[in-house]
């Protein structure tokens, strides 16, 4: 299976990529970090990693041309790239920080969908998984921008699900609480009580593979991690 993952250089994206590669799948990925270069050496062809910020629509367009020409449409598209806001009341969060989060968490997802999903639709198969959050289905003080972005992902994904042809699926997925840089930014030392991304991926990666047309438009959660 060919699997495309955004935000692949760390956290959940990196853990998923490593699990899928270890289990015989081809992984295509992008990330903003220079770690992309190390991933190219660690995981050579047929895997394919590109330094890219998903909020730059023109660069996503060029990336899609490269990927579709070399690998064809992905079987599974995982929109994972996202930012967390610095915890603070909404009125204390700068316009710059708010705008960047929205650009990555919502517009970045739309950019990737815009340039990859048409090829999946033309083939008539494929699953799009957009990473949501518990904060896309509930709220907490001091995380209004992040909550807003993940509520948007829920709605965007469910509307997309209604637009796809029979046989395809779009699923908003709550990964649960995982000890990543993003959770540490939110909760500081409290994040250490949550499982690491590598542990999470052992259950999450095969669960994502199990999603299919019958899950189209369903708000899903990774079992055992979404409590």
Protein backbone atom coordinates (compact mmCIF):
# COMPACT_ATOMS: atom_id res chain seq x y z
CA UNK A 1 0.00 0.00 0.00
CA UNK A 2 1.16 3.54 -0.75
CA UNK A 3 0.61 5.83 2.24
CA UNK A 4 1.05 9.61 2.22
CA UNK A 5 1.60 11.33 5.58
CA UNK A 6 2.06 15.04 6.27
CA UNK A 7 4.07 16.20 9.27
CA UNK A 8 6.17 13.09 8.98
CA UNK A 9 9.39 14.15 10.72
CA UNK A 10 8.31 13.83 14.35
CA UNK A 11 5.54 12.89 16.72
CA UNK A 12 2.62 10.86 15.45
CA UNK A 13 3.58 11.26 11.80
CA UNK A 14 7.07 9.86 12.35
CA UNK A 15 5.78 6.98 14.45
CA UNK A 16 3.21 6.04 11.81
CA UNK A 17 5.78 6.27 9.02
CA UNK A 18 8.22 3.99 10.79
CA UNK A 19 5.53 1.41 11.60
CA UNK A 20 4.20 1.36 8.05
CA UNK A 21 7.68 1.05 6.56
CA UNK A 22 8.57 -1.76 8.96
CA UNK A 23 5.41 -3.56 7.88
CA UNK A 24 6.07 -3.44 4.16
CA UNK A 25 4.21 -0.32 3.01
CA UNK A 26 5.57 2.51 0.88
CA UNK A 27 5.51 5.84 2.70
CA UNK A 28 5.47 9.26 1.04
CA UNK A 29 5.88 12.12 3.46
CA UNK A 30 6.54 15.79 3.99
CA UNK A 31 7.66 17.90 6.92
CA UNK A 32 9.08 21.31 7.70
CA UNK A 33 12.03 20.00 9.71
CA UNK A 34 15.51 19.35 8.32
CA UNK A 35 14.98 15.83 9.69
CA UNK A 36 13.47 15.09 6.27
CA UNK A 37 17.03 14.76 4.96
CA UNK A 38 17.86 12.13 7.56
CA UNK A 39 14.70 10.23 6.72
CA UNK A 40 15.73 10.11 3.07
CA UNK A 41 18.94 8.32 4.06
CA UNK A 42 17.31 6.09 6.66
CA UNK A 43 14.42 5.09 4.40
CA UNK A 44 15.50 5.18 0.74
CA UNK A 45 13.34 4.47 -2.33
CA UNK A 46 10.64 3.47 -2.81
CA UNK A 47 9.92 5.74 0.16
CA UNK A 48 9.94 9.44 -0.67
CA UNK A 49 10.33 12.38 1.75
CA UNK A 50 10.16 16.08 0.92
CA UNK A 51 10.85 19.26 2.92
CA UNK A 52 7.58 21.16 2.69
CA UNK A 53 5.22 23.40 4.64
CA UNK A 54 1.64 22.39 3.84
CA UNK A 55 0.39 25.95 4.22
CA UNK A 56 2.30 26.94 1.06
CA UNK A 57 -0.23 25.96 -1.57
CA UNK A 58 2.06 26.43 -4.57
CA UNK A 59 4.66 24.11 -3.06
CA UNK A 60 2.02 21.50 -2.26
CA UNK A 61 0.95 21.68 -5.92
CA UNK A 62 4.51 21.03 -7.12
CA UNK A 63 4.96 18.24 -4.59
CA UNK A 64 1.78 16.54 -5.77
CA UNK A 65 2.97 16.63 -9.37
CA UNK A 66 6.18 14.88 -8.34
CA UNK A 67 4.45 12.29 -6.17
CA UNK A 68 1.64 11.45 -8.59
CA UNK A 69 4.06 11.11 -11.50
CA UNK A 70 6.38 8.81 -9.56
CA UNK A 71 4.04 6.85 -7.29
CA UNK A 72 0.50 7.41 -8.54
CA UNK A 73 -2.39 8.29 -6.26
CA UNK A 74 -1.93 7.22 -2.63
CA UNK A 75 -4.09 4.45 -1.25
CA UNK A 76 -4.18 6.15 2.14
CA UNK A 77 -3.75 9.87 2.77
CA UNK A 78 -3.12 10.95 6.38
CA UNK A 79 -3.28 14.68 7.08
CA UNK A 80 -1.29 14.83 10.30
CA UNK A 81 0.64 18.13 10.14
CA UNK A 82 -0.61 20.58 12.77
CA UNK A 83 0.40 23.24 15.27
CA UNK A 84 -0.61 23.78 18.90
CA UNK A 85 -1.12 27.29 20.28
CA UNK A 86 0.72 28.60 23.32
CA UNK A 87 -1.76 28.18 26.21
CA UNK A 88 -3.41 31.55 26.85
CA UNK A 89 -6.81 33.24 26.78
CA UNK A 90 -7.88 33.88 23.19
CA UNK A 91 -7.51 37.65 23.48
CA UNK A 92 -3.87 37.27 24.52
CA UNK A 93 -2.89 35.13 21.52
CA UNK A 94 -1.33 37.23 18.77
CA UNK A 95 -2.89 37.46 15.34
CA UNK A 96 0.33 36.06 13.92
CA UNK A 97 0.21 32.91 16.04
CA UNK A 98 -3.52 32.45 15.44
CA UNK A 99 -3.18 32.88 11.68
CA UNK A 100 -0.25 30.48 11.39
CA UNK A 101 -2.13 27.79 13.30
CA UNK A 102 -5.21 28.17 11.10
CA UNK A 103 -3.05 28.20 7.96
CA UNK A 104 -1.42 24.88 8.87
CA UNK A 105 -4.23 23.06 10.68
CA UNK A 106 -7.06 23.89 8.28
CA UNK A 107 -5.75 25.46 5.09
CA UNK A 108 -2.83 23.02 4.95
CA UNK A 109 -5.24 20.07 5.07
CA UNK A 110 -7.33 21.63 2.31
CA UNK A 111 -4.20 22.22 0.21
CA UNK A 112 -3.20 18.57 0.40
CA UNK A 113 -6.73 17.40 -0.35
CA UNK A 114 -7.00 19.78 -3.30
CA UNK A 115 -3.89 18.37 -4.98
CA UNK A 116 -4.07 14.65 -4.14
CA UNK A 117 -7.70 13.64 -3.78
CA UNK A 118 -8.66 14.27 -7.45
CA UNK A 119 -6.29 11.47 -8.48
CA UNK A 120 -7.80 9.19 -5.83
CA UNK A 121 -11.31 10.05 -7.03
CA UNK A 122 -10.31 9.38 -10.65
CA UNK A 123 -9.08 5.93 -9.61
CA UNK A 124 -12.23 5.39 -7.57
CA UNK A 125 -10.59 4.23 -4.36
CA UNK A 126 -8.71 5.47 -1.33
CA UNK A 127 -9.10 6.62 2.26
CA UNK A 128 -8.44 10.13 3.58
CA UNK A 129 -7.77 10.36 7.32
CA UNK A 130 -7.65 13.86 8.77
CA UNK A 131 -6.20 13.99 12.28
CA UNK A 132 -8.70 15.62 14.60
CA UNK A 133 -8.51 15.72 18.40
CA UNK A 134 -10.50 15.32 21.56
CA UNK A 135 -10.41 19.12 21.32
CA UNK A 136 -12.26 18.84 18.03
CA UNK A 137 -15.22 17.40 19.93
CA UNK A 138 -14.89 19.25 23.25
CA UNK A 139 -13.15 22.40 24.48
CA UNK A 140 -10.71 23.62 27.11
CA UNK A 141 -9.77 27.09 28.27
CA UNK A 142 -6.58 28.57 26.78
CA UNK A 143 -6.73 26.40 23.66
CA UNK A 144 -9.38 28.23 21.63
CA UNK A 145 -7.34 28.41 18.38
CA UNK A 146 -6.47 24.72 18.43
CA UNK A 147 -10.03 23.73 19.38
CA UNK A 148 -11.40 25.90 16.57
CA UNK A 149 -9.07 24.28 14.04
CA UNK A 150 -9.97 20.74 15.05
CA UNK A 151 -13.70 21.44 15.15
CA UNK A 152 -13.18 22.72 11.60
CA UNK A 153 -11.42 19.49 10.64
CA UNK A 154 -14.40 17.51 11.88
CA UNK A 155 -16.80 19.53 9.74
CA UNK A 156 -14.51 19.70 6.72
CA UNK A 157 -14.00 15.95 6.75
CA UNK A 158 -17.65 15.08 7.16
CA UNK A 159 -18.60 17.39 4.28
CA UNK A 160 -15.82 15.90 2.14
CA UNK A 161 -17.19 12.45 2.93
CA UNK A 162 -20.50 13.43 1.31
CA UNK A 163 -18.67 14.47 -1.86
CA UNK A 164 -16.64 11.32 -2.41
CA UNK A 165 -17.74 8.56 -4.78
CA UNK A 166 -18.99 5.26 -3.39
CA UNK A 167 -16.07 3.11 -2.31
CA UNK A 168 -13.95 5.90 -0.85
CA UNK A 169 -13.84 7.31 2.67
CA UNK A 170 -12.94 10.46 4.56
CA UNK A 171 -12.57 10.01 8.31
CA UNK A 172 -11.81 12.53 11.09
CA UNK A 173 -9.64 10.66 13.60
CA UNK A 174 -9.06 11.53 17.24
CA UNK A 175 -5.65 10.00 18.04
CA UNK A 176 -6.03 10.45 21.80
CA UNK A 177 -3.57 11.86 24.33
CA UNK A 178 0.01 11.05 23.30
CA UNK A 179 3.31 12.27 24.76
CA UNK A 180 4.50 14.41 21.84
CA UNK A 181 6.01 17.89 21.49
CA UNK A 182 2.51 19.26 20.96
CA UNK A 183 1.14 17.75 24.17
CA UNK A 184 4.20 18.93 26.09
CA UNK A 185 3.57 22.44 24.73
CA UNK A 186 0.02 22.20 26.04
CA UNK A 187 0.51 20.44 29.35
CA UNK A 188 4.22 20.66 30.15
CA UNK A 189 5.45 17.89 32.43
CA UNK A 190 1.93 16.47 32.61
CA UNK A 191 2.40 15.04 29.13
CA UNK A 192 4.84 12.47 30.52
CA UNK A 193 1.95 10.45 31.96
CA UNK A 194 0.72 9.69 28.44
CA UNK A 195 2.10 6.96 26.15
CA UNK A 196 4.84 7.76 23.66
CA UNK A 197 4.12 8.01 19.96
CA UNK A 198 5.87 4.73 19.19
CA UNK A 199 3.61 2.86 21.62
CA UNK A 200 0.55 4.57 20.19
CA UNK A 201 1.51 3.69 16.59
CA UNK A 202 1.50 -0.04 17.34
CA UNK A 203 -2.27 0.16 17.72
CA UNK A 204 -3.07 3.27 15.70
CA UNK A 205 -1.29 2.30 12.49
CA UNK A 206 -3.16 -0.99 11.93
CA UNK A 207 -6.40 0.63 13.09
CA UNK A 208 -6.04 3.30 10.41
CA UNK A 209 -5.40 0.59 7.83
CA UNK A 210 -8.68 -1.04 8.86
CA UNK A 211 -10.71 2.07 7.95
CA UNK A 212 -12.68 1.76 4.73
CA UNK A 213 -15.76 2.82 2.84
CA UNK A 214 -18.02 1.75 5.69
CA UNK A 215 -16.37 4.38 7.91
CA UNK A 216 -16.94 7.26 5.49
CA UNK A 217 -17.91 10.39 7.45
CA UNK A 218 -17.69 8.68 10.84
CA UNK A 219 -15.87 10.45 13.67
CA UNK A 220 -13.38 7.78 14.72
CA UNK A 221 -11.02 7.43 17.67
CA UNK A 222 -8.02 5.19 18.13
CA UNK A 223 -9.16 2.47 20.55
CA UNK A 224 -7.60 2.59 24.04
CA UNK A 225 -6.12 6.09 23.51
CA UNK A 226 -9.15 8.34 23.19
CA UNK A 227 -10.47 8.19 26.75
